[in-house]
Amino acid sequence: MELDAHTGRRGRGIYLLPNLFTTAALFSGFYAVLAAMNSQFEKAAIAIFIAMILDGLDGRVARLTNTQTAFGAEYDSLSDMVAFGLAPALVMYEWALHSLGKPGWLAAFIYTAGAALRLARFNSKLDVADSNYFQGLPSPSAAAIVAASVWVAVDNDMTAPHMAVIGGIVTGVCGLLMVSNIQYNSFKHIDLKGKVPFVALVGIALVFAIILMEPPLILFLVFAIYALSGPVGAARSLIQQKEK
């Protein structure tokens, strides 16, 4: 039995299409953990990025097909916890953090706990939050930074023991940013249905071409810049307030 988010009535069964994407995202996160346990860290990182794409599709598919339900929202949150909360921390731990001992698993736990708290806060404030901004770094973006950092290191033959301290700092900072009160642009105000100039399509094609040139490094830089945009914006607002 599934509770419909619009009518509040109980219906029979669940909607297949959006939950199919959610299940695929969940599987991608699960696969990332398995790949990391088998020292296939590049595959693990790619699986997390695939989970990000699928996670972005399930909600949009649900809205387009008018199949939004309370069950789907809860299932999506649980899938996010696995794919963006648990999987990145375990991938980083298996790759490098285990060599640090207790500080290593502590950094991994800080990230996992941060993702759990971030998702719980997001769900509890869903009806009152400003849709143009996220409070705290979104868990998919945090997962992208952790996964891309592992991917970049593996792609450039950087040995895990020498990168353990850096990996621990990246993982811990991402965990703390997720539970911070720093605002991040959600980009939900962008109208994807409206018309755009032809040059915009050229720009999009150029962006994809740049990403394909060096996927791990470009993806890491993109999400790292997004993560830094929050603290930079907060610092700028604080300076402007002091100047008034």
C-alpha atoms as a PDB file:
ATOM      1  CA  MET A   1       0.000   0.000   0.000  1.00  0.00           C
ATOM      2  CA  GLU A   2       1.362   3.406  -0.979  1.00  0.00           C
ATOM      3  CA  LEU A   3       0.286   6.769   0.398  1.00  0.00           C
ATOM      4  CA  ASP A   4      -0.291   9.310  -2.360  1.00  0.00           C
ATOM      5  CA  ALA A   5       1.426  12.632  -1.625  1.00  0.00           C
ATOM      6  CA  HIS A   6      -1.389  14.663  -3.254  1.00  0.00           C
ATOM      7  CA  THR A   7      -4.578  13.010  -2.004  1.00  0.00           C
ATOM      8  CA  GLY A   8      -3.344  11.368   1.179  1.00  0.00           C
ATOM      9  CA  ARG A   9      -5.278   8.247   0.201  1.00  0.00           C
ATOM     10  CA  ARG A  10      -3.884   4.754   0.219  1.00  0.00           C
ATOM     11  CA  GLY A  11      -3.572   3.148  -3.177  1.00  0.00           C
ATOM     12  CA  ARG A  12      -2.667  -0.308  -4.284  1.00  0.00           C
ATOM     13  CA  GLY A  13       0.906  -0.993  -5.314  1.00  0.00           C
ATOM     14  CA  ILE A  14       3.597   1.540  -6.120  1.00  0.00           C
ATOM     15  CA  TYR A  15       4.473   3.537  -9.213  1.00  0.00           C
ATOM     16  CA  LEU A  16       7.120   1.644 -11.149  1.00  0.00           C
ATOM     17  CA  LEU A  17       8.881   4.281 -13.263  1.00  0.00           C
ATOM     18  CA  PRO A  18      10.223   6.766 -10.667  1.00  0.00           C
ATOM     19  CA  ASN A  19      10.988   4.002  -8.163  1.00  0.00           C
ATOM     20  CA  LEU A  20      12.868   2.151 -10.882  1.00  0.00           C
ATOM     21  CA  PHE A  21      15.289   5.070 -11.192  1.00  0.00           C
ATOM     22  CA  THR A  22      15.587   5.238  -7.399  1.00  0.00           C
ATOM     23  CA  THR A  23      16.348   1.516  -7.234  1.00  0.00           C
ATOM     24  CA  ALA A  24      18.986   1.910  -9.949  1.00  0.00           C
ATOM     25  CA  ALA A  25      20.600   4.746  -7.952  1.00  0.00           C
ATOM     26  CA  LEU A  26      20.534   2.562  -4.841  1.00  0.00           C
ATOM     27  CA  PHE A  27      22.170  -0.276  -6.763  1.00  0.00           C
ATOM     28  CA  SER A  28      24.858   2.085  -8.076  1.00  0.00           C
ATOM     29  CA  GLY A  29      25.732   3.096  -4.517  1.00  0.00           C
ATOM     30  CA  PHE A  30      25.774  -0.564  -3.447  1.00  0.00           C
ATOM     31  CA  TYR A  31      27.969  -1.463  -6.413  1.00  0.00           C
ATOM     32  CA  ALA A  32      30.393   1.347  -5.507  1.00  0.00           C
ATOM     33  CA  VAL A  33      30.922  -0.268  -2.106  1.00  0.00           C
ATOM     34  CA  LEU A  34      31.469  -3.706  -3.665  1.00  0.00           C
ATOM     35  CA  ALA A  35      33.912  -2.291  -6.218  1.00  0.00           C
ATOM     36  CA  ALA A  36      35.893  -0.525  -3.488  1.00  0.00           C
ATOM     37  CA  MET A  37      36.080  -3.739  -1.444  1.00  0.00           C
ATOM     38  CA  ASN A  38      37.659  -5.347  -4.512  1.00  0.00           C
ATOM     39  CA  SER A  39      40.089  -2.426  -4.991  1.00  0.00           C
ATOM     40  CA  GLN A  40      38.312  -1.275  -8.156  1.00  0.00           C
ATOM     41  CA  PHE A  41      38.267   2.350  -7.074  1.00  0.00           C
ATOM     42  CA  GLU A  42      37.797   3.924 -10.496  1.00  0.00           C
ATOM     43  CA  LYS A  43      34.664   1.826 -11.054  1.00  0.00           C
ATOM     44  CA  ALA A  44      33.477   2.750  -7.564  1.00  0.00           C
ATOM     45  CA  ALA A  45      33.841   6.477  -8.265  1.00  0.00           C
ATOM     46  CA  ILE A  46      32.059   6.193 -11.614  1.00  0.00           C
ATOM     47  CA  ALA A  47      29.213   4.268  -9.957  1.00  0.00           C
ATOM     48  CA  ILE A  48      28.655   7.141  -7.526  1.00  0.00           C
ATOM     49  CA  PHE A  49      28.420   9.612 -10.409  1.00  0.00           C
ATOM     50  CA  ILE A  50      25.941   7.310 -12.162  1.00  0.00           C
ATOM     51  CA  ALA A  51      23.896   7.303  -8.961  1.00  0.00           C
ATOM     52  CA  MET A  52      23.902  11.118  -9.085  1.00  0.00           C
ATOM     53  CA  ILE A  53      22.463  11.112 -12.598  1.00  0.00           C
ATOM     54  CA  LEU A  54      19.794   8.576 -11.680  1.00  0.00           C
ATOM     55  CA  ASP A  55      18.928  10.490  -8.512  1.00  0.00           C
ATOM     56  CA  GLY A  56      18.401  13.625 -10.570  1.00  0.00           C
ATOM     57  CA  LEU A  57      16.094  11.758 -12.922  1.00  0.00           C
ATOM     58  CA  ASP A  58      13.784   9.994 -10.473  1.00  0.00           C
ATOM     59  CA  GLY A  59      12.269  13.157  -9.010  1.00  0.00           C
ATOM     60  CA  ARG A  60      11.875  14.787 -12.416  1.00  0.00           C
ATOM     61  CA  VAL A  61      10.247  11.668 -13.841  1.00  0.00           C
ATOM     62  CA  ALA A  62       7.850  11.557 -10.883  1.00  0.00           C
ATOM     63  CA  ARG A  63       6.851  15.198 -11.432  1.00  0.00           C
ATOM     64  CA  LEU A  64       6.483  14.818 -15.197  1.00  0.00           C
ATOM     65  CA  THR A  65       4.324  11.689 -14.856  1.00  0.00           C
ATOM     66  CA  ASN A  66       2.459  12.998 -11.803  1.00  0.00           C
ATOM     67  CA  THR A  67       3.531   9.956  -9.774  1.00  0.00           C
ATOM     68  CA  GLN A  68       4.877  11.735  -6.680  1.00  0.00           C
ATOM     69  CA  THR A  69       4.122   9.824  -3.481  1.00  0.00           C
ATOM     70  CA  ALA A  70       5.189   9.838   0.161  1.00  0.00           C
ATOM     71  CA  PHE A  71       6.614   6.355  -0.340  1.00  0.00           C
ATOM     72  CA  GLY A  72       8.720   7.551  -3.270  1.00  0.00           C
ATOM     73  CA  ALA A  73      10.091  10.486  -1.247  1.00  0.00           C
ATOM     74  CA  GLU A  74      11.075   8.243   1.676  1.00  0.00           C
ATOM     75  CA  TYR A  75      12.589   5.634  -0.648  1.00  0.00           C
ATOM     76  CA  ASP A  76      14.583   8.342  -2.421  1.00  0.00           C
ATOM     77  CA  SER A  77      16.008   9.564   0.908  1.00  0.00           C
ATOM     78  CA  LEU A  78      17.078   6.049   1.891  1.00  0.00           C
ATOM     79  CA  SER A  79      18.665   5.563  -1.522  1.00  0.00           C
ATOM     80  CA  ASP A  80      20.498   8.894  -1.152  1.00  0.00           C
ATOM     81  CA  MET A  81      21.843   7.802   2.228  1.00  0.00           C
ATOM     82  CA  VAL A  82      23.381   4.693   0.693  1.00  0.00           C
ATOM     83  CA  ALA A  83      24.637   6.256  -2.548  1.00  0.00           C
ATOM     84  CA  PHE A  84      25.790   9.643  -1.207  1.00  0.00           C
ATOM     85  CA  GLY A  85      26.231   9.031   2.511  1.00  0.00           C
ATOM     86  CA  LEU A  86      27.614   5.552   3.034  1.00  0.00           C
ATOM     87  CA  ALA A  87      29.196   4.652  -0.320  1.00  0.00           C
ATOM     88  CA  PRO A  88      31.575   7.661  -0.682  1.00  0.00           C
ATOM     89  CA  ALA A  89      32.810   7.285   2.903  1.00  0.00           C
ATOM     90  CA  LEU A  90      33.470   3.563   2.456  1.00  0.00           C
ATOM     91  CA  VAL A  91      35.142   4.064  -0.929  1.00  0.00           C
ATOM     92  CA  MET A  92      37.491   6.663   0.552  1.00  0.00           C
ATOM     93  CA  TYR A  93      38.100   4.497   3.622  1.00  0.00           C
ATOM     94  CA  GLU A  94      38.919   1.405   1.575  1.00  0.00           C
ATOM     95  CA  TRP A  95      41.188   3.419  -0.711  1.00  0.00           C
ATOM     96  CA  ALA A  96      43.221   5.427   1.799  1.00  0.00           C
ATOM     97  CA  LEU A  97      41.674   6.226   5.177  1.00  0.00           C
ATOM     98  CA  HIS A  98      42.174   2.742   6.639  1.00  0.00           C
ATOM     99  CA  SER A  99      45.914   3.441   6.721  1.00  0.00           C
ATOM    100  CA  LEU A 100      45.341   6.273   9.217  1.00  0.00           C
ATOM    101  CA  GLY A 101      43.788   4.011  11.834  1.00  0.00           C
ATOM    102  CA  LYS A 102      41.261   5.665  14.161  1.00  0.00           C
ATOM    103  CA  PRO A 103      41.517   9.144  12.550  1.00  0.00           C
ATOM    104  CA  GLY A 104      40.660   7.480   9.229  1.00  0.00           C
ATOM    105  CA  TRP A 105      37.446   5.837  10.337  1.00  0.00           C
ATOM    106  CA  LEU A 106      36.568   8.960  12.316  1.00  0.00           C
ATOM    107  CA  ALA A 107      36.771  11.068   9.134  1.00  0.00           C
ATOM    108  CA  ALA A 108      34.628   8.509   7.309  1.00  0.00           C
ATOM    109  CA  PHE A 109      32.082   8.525  10.138  1.00  0.00           C
ATOM    110  CA  ILE A 110      31.942  12.324  10.231  1.00  0.00           C
ATOM    111  CA  TYR A 111      31.069  12.277   6.543  1.00  0.00           C
ATOM    112  CA  THR A 112      28.431   9.545   6.944  1.00  0.00           C
ATOM    113  CA  ALA A 113      26.844  11.222   9.967  1.00  0.00           C
ATOM    114  CA  GLY A 114      26.894  14.568   8.164  1.00  0.00           C
ATOM    115  CA  ALA A 115      25.046  13.073   5.201  1.00  0.00           C
ATOM    116  CA  ALA A 116      22.429  11.468   7.472  1.00  0.00           C
ATOM    117  CA  LEU A 117      21.842  14.695   9.385  1.00  0.00           C
ATOM    118  CA  ARG A 118      21.771  16.702   6.154  1.00  0.00           C
ATOM    119  CA  LEU A 119      19.067  14.471   4.668  1.00  0.00           C
ATOM    120  CA  ALA A 120      17.027  14.478   7.889  1.00  0.00           C
ATOM    121  CA  ARG A 121      17.147  18.278   8.097  1.00  0.00           C
ATOM    122  CA  PHE A 122      16.272  18.635   4.421  1.00  0.00           C
ATOM    123  CA  ASN A 123      13.219  16.381   4.769  1.00  0.00           C
ATOM    124  CA  SER A 124      12.021  18.089   7.951  1.00  0.00           C
ATOM    125  CA  LYS A 125      12.164  21.557   6.342  1.00  0.00           C
ATOM    126  CA  LEU A 126      10.920  20.565   2.889  1.00  0.00           C
ATOM    127  CA  ASP A 127       7.685  22.586   3.169  1.00  0.00           C
ATOM    128  CA  VAL A 128       9.239  25.785   4.559  1.00  0.00           C
ATOM    129  CA  ALA A 129      12.679  25.962   2.929  1.00  0.00           C
ATOM    130  CA  ASP A 130      13.547  28.462   0.193  1.00  0.00           C
ATOM    131  CA  SER A 131      13.628  26.411  -3.007  1.00  0.00           C
ATOM    132  CA  ASN A 132      16.310  28.670  -4.505  1.00  0.00           C
ATOM    133  CA  TYR A 133      18.872  27.685  -1.878  1.00  0.00           C
ATOM    134  CA  PHE A 134      20.097  24.606  -0.018  1.00  0.00           C
ATOM    135  CA  GLN A 135      21.058  24.825   3.638  1.00  0.00           C
ATOM    136  CA  GLY A 136      24.392  23.065   3.790  1.00  0.00           C
ATOM    137  CA  LEU A 137      26.270  21.351   0.983  1.00  0.00           C
ATOM    138  CA  PRO A 138      23.926  18.919  -0.845  1.00  0.00           C
ATOM    139  CA  SER A 139      24.913  15.285  -0.237  1.00  0.00           C
ATOM    140  CA  PRO A 140      25.269  14.462  -3.979  1.00  0.00           C
ATOM    141  CA  SER A 141      27.783  17.310  -4.356  1.00  0.00           C
ATOM    142  CA  ALA A 142      29.720  16.137  -1.299  1.00  0.00           C
ATOM    143  CA  ALA A 143      29.715  12.603  -2.693  1.00  0.00           C
ATOM    144  CA  ALA A 144      30.973  13.915  -6.042  1.00  0.00           C
ATOM    145  CA  ILE A 145      33.947  15.639  -4.390  1.00  0.00           C
ATOM    146  CA  VAL A 146      34.947  12.549  -2.411  1.00  0.00           C
ATOM    147  CA  ALA A 147      34.461  10.194  -5.368  1.00  0.00           C
ATOM    148  CA  ALA A 148      36.213  12.492  -7.844  1.00  0.00           C
ATOM    149  CA  SER A 149      39.202  12.971  -5.525  1.00  0.00           C
ATOM    150  CA  VAL A 150      39.670   9.188  -5.395  1.00  0.00           C
ATOM    151  CA  TRP A 151      39.183   8.972  -9.165  1.00  0.00           C
ATOM    152  CA  VAL A 152      41.759  11.709  -9.843  1.00  0.00           C
ATOM    153  CA  ALA A 153      44.318  10.061  -7.574  1.00  0.00           C
ATOM    154  CA  VAL A 154      43.838   6.601  -9.080  1.00  0.00           C
ATOM    155  CA  ASP A 155      43.873   7.992 -12.616  1.00  0.00           C
ATOM    156  CA  ASN A 156      47.213   9.694 -11.938  1.00  0.00           C
ATOM    157  CA  ASP A 157      48.756   6.718 -10.108  1.00  0.00           C
ATOM    158  CA  MET A 158      48.922   8.547  -6.787  1.00  0.00           C
ATOM    159  CA  THR A 159      49.553   6.038  -4.035  1.00  0.00           C
ATOM    160  CA  ALA A 160      46.913   5.826  -1.355  1.00  0.00           C
ATOM    161  CA  PRO A 161      49.217   6.002   1.744  1.00  0.00           C
ATOM    162  CA  HIS A 162      50.621   9.373   0.680  1.00  0.00           C
ATOM    163  CA  MET A 163      47.130  10.722  -0.038  1.00  0.00           C
ATOM    164  CA  ALA A 164      45.495   9.444   3.154  1.00  0.00           C
ATOM    165  CA  VAL A 165      45.816  12.693   5.110  1.00  0.00           C
ATOM    166  CA  ILE A 166      44.476  14.767   2.204  1.00  0.00           C
ATOM    167  CA  GLY A 167      41.644  12.275   1.717  1.00  0.00           C
ATOM    168  CA  GLY A 168      40.787  12.480   5.408  1.00  0.00           C
ATOM    169  CA  ILE A 169      40.655  16.277   5.306  1.00  0.00           C
ATOM    170  CA  VAL A 170      38.490  16.297   2.160  1.00  0.00           C
ATOM    171  CA  THR A 171      36.109  13.709   3.629  1.00  0.00           C
ATOM    172  CA  GLY A 172      35.805  15.427   7.011  1.00  0.00           C
ATOM    173  CA  VAL A 173      35.340  18.909   5.541  1.00  0.00           C
ATOM    174  CA  CYS A 174      32.618  17.665   3.171  1.00  0.00           C
ATOM    175  CA  GLY A 175      30.837  16.069   6.127  1.00  0.00           C
ATOM    176  CA  LEU A 176      30.942  19.309   8.116  1.00  0.00           C
ATOM    177  CA  LEU A 177      29.816  21.418   5.159  1.00  0.00           C
ATOM    178  CA  MET A 178      26.730  19.227   4.781  1.00  0.00           C
ATOM    179  CA  VAL A 179      25.547  20.073   8.318  1.00  0.00           C
ATOM    180  CA  SER A 180      26.560  23.731   8.167  1.00  0.00           C
ATOM    181  CA  ASN A 181      24.100  26.604   7.845  1.00  0.00           C
ATOM    182  CA  ILE A 182      25.873  27.901   4.740  1.00  0.00           C
ATOM    183  CA  GLN A 183      23.535  28.518   1.818  1.00  0.00           C
ATOM    184  CA  TYR A 184      24.167  27.000  -1.595  1.00  0.00           C
ATOM    185  CA  ASN A 185      22.435  27.916  -4.833  1.00  0.00           C
ATOM    186  CA  SER A 186      19.985  25.169  -5.845  1.00  0.00           C
ATOM    187  CA  PHE A 187      19.726  26.375  -9.479  1.00  0.00           C
ATOM    188  CA  LYS A 188      16.044  25.402  -9.353  1.00  0.00           C
ATOM    189  CA  HIS A 189      15.076  28.836 -10.645  1.00  0.00           C
ATOM    190  CA  ILE A 190      16.603  28.041 -14.033  1.00  0.00           C
ATOM    191  CA  ASP A 191      13.839  27.583 -16.592  1.00  0.00           C
ATOM    192  CA  LEU A 192      14.660  24.422 -18.544  1.00  0.00           C
ATOM    193  CA  LYS A 193      11.429  24.629 -20.534  1.00  0.00           C
ATOM    194  CA  GLY A 194      12.021  28.098 -21.935  1.00  0.00           C
ATOM    195  CA  LYS A 195      13.785  29.020 -25.144  1.00  0.00           C
ATOM    196  CA  VAL A 196      17.502  29.785 -25.176  1.00  0.00           C
ATOM    197  CA  PRO A 197      19.795  31.368 -27.780  1.00  0.00           C
ATOM    198  CA  PHE A 198      21.531  29.037 -30.199  1.00  0.00           C
ATOM    199  CA  VAL A 199      24.882  29.993 -28.694  1.00  0.00           C
ATOM    200  CA  ALA A 200      23.746  28.439 -25.386  1.00  0.00           C
ATOM    201  CA  LEU A 201      23.601  25.005 -27.038  1.00  0.00           C
ATOM    202  CA  VAL A 202      27.098  25.571 -28.393  1.00  0.00           C
ATOM    203  CA  GLY A 203      28.242  26.413 -24.884  1.00  0.00           C
ATOM    204  CA  ILE A 204      26.664  23.256 -23.475  1.00  0.00           C
ATOM    205  CA  ALA A 205      28.354  21.140 -26.145  1.00  0.00           C
ATOM    206  CA  LEU A 206      31.665  22.813 -25.264  1.00  0.00           C
ATOM    207  CA  VAL A 207      31.188  22.016 -21.579  1.00  0.00           C
ATOM    208  CA  PHE A 208      30.597  18.335 -22.364  1.00  0.00           C
ATOM    209  CA  ALA A 209      33.682  18.306 -24.593  1.00  0.00           C
ATOM    210  CA  ILE A 210      35.821  19.772 -21.788  1.00  0.00           C
ATOM    211  CA  ILE A 211      34.505  17.201 -19.286  1.00  0.00           C
ATOM    212  CA  LEU A 212      35.262  14.337 -21.679  1.00  0.00           C
ATOM    213  CA  MET A 213      38.849  15.543 -22.048  1.00  0.00           C
ATOM    214  CA  GLU A 214      39.650  14.799 -18.395  1.00  0.00           C
ATOM    215  CA  PRO A 215      36.482  13.591 -16.599  1.00  0.00           C
ATOM    216  CA  PRO A 216      37.831  13.014 -13.045  1.00  0.00           C
ATOM    217  CA  LEU A 217      39.764  16.280 -12.794  1.00  0.00           C
ATOM    218  CA  ILE A 218      37.082  18.470 -14.385  1.00  0.00           C
ATOM    219  CA  LEU A 219      34.319  16.948 -12.266  1.00  0.00           C
ATOM    220  CA  PHE A 220      36.392  17.394  -9.127  1.00  0.00           C
ATOM    221  CA  LEU A 221      37.088  21.049  -9.956  1.00  0.00           C
ATOM    222  CA  VAL A 222      33.434  21.780 -10.793  1.00  0.00           C
ATOM    223  CA  PHE A 223      32.091  20.369  -7.533  1.00  0.00           C
ATOM    224  CA  ALA A 224      34.977  21.745  -5.479  1.00  0.00           C
ATOM    225  CA  ILE A 225      34.243  25.245  -6.809  1.00  0.00           C
ATOM    226  CA  TYR A 226      30.553  24.743  -5.949  1.00  0.00           C
ATOM    227  CA  ALA A 227      31.501  23.620  -2.420  1.00  0.00           C
ATOM    228  CA  LEU A 228      33.707  26.688  -1.974  1.00  0.00           C
ATOM    229  CA  SER A 229      31.046  29.033  -3.359  1.00  0.00           C
ATOM    230  CA  GLY A 230      29.013  28.638  -0.162  1.00  0.00           C
ATOM    231  CA  PRO A 231      31.680  29.773   2.341  1.00  0.00           C
ATOM    232  CA  VAL A 232      32.868  32.507  -0.050  1.00  0.00           C
ATOM    233  CA  GLY A 233      29.311  33.828  -0.407  1.00  0.00           C
ATOM    234  CA  ALA A 234      28.774  33.683   3.360  1.00  0.00           C
ATOM    235  CA  ALA A 235      32.030  35.571   3.992  1.00  0.00           C
ATOM    236  CA  ARG A 236      31.096  38.208   1.416  1.00  0.00           C
ATOM    237  CA  SER A 237      27.673  38.735   3.038  1.00  0.00           C
ATOM    238  CA  LEU A 238      29.307  39.044   6.462  1.00  0.00           C
ATOM    239  CA  ILE A 239      31.760  41.657   5.190  1.00  0.00           C
ATOM    240  CA  GLN A 240      28.963  43.650   3.537  1.00  0.00           C
ATOM    241  CA  GLN A 241      26.949  43.618   6.769  1.00  0.00           C
ATOM    242  CA  LYS A 242      29.917  44.928   8.764  1.00  0.00           C
ATOM    243  CA  GLU A 243      30.483  47.722   6.238  1.00  0.00           C
ATOM    244  CA  LYS A 244      26.898  48.997   6.604  1.00  0.00           C
END
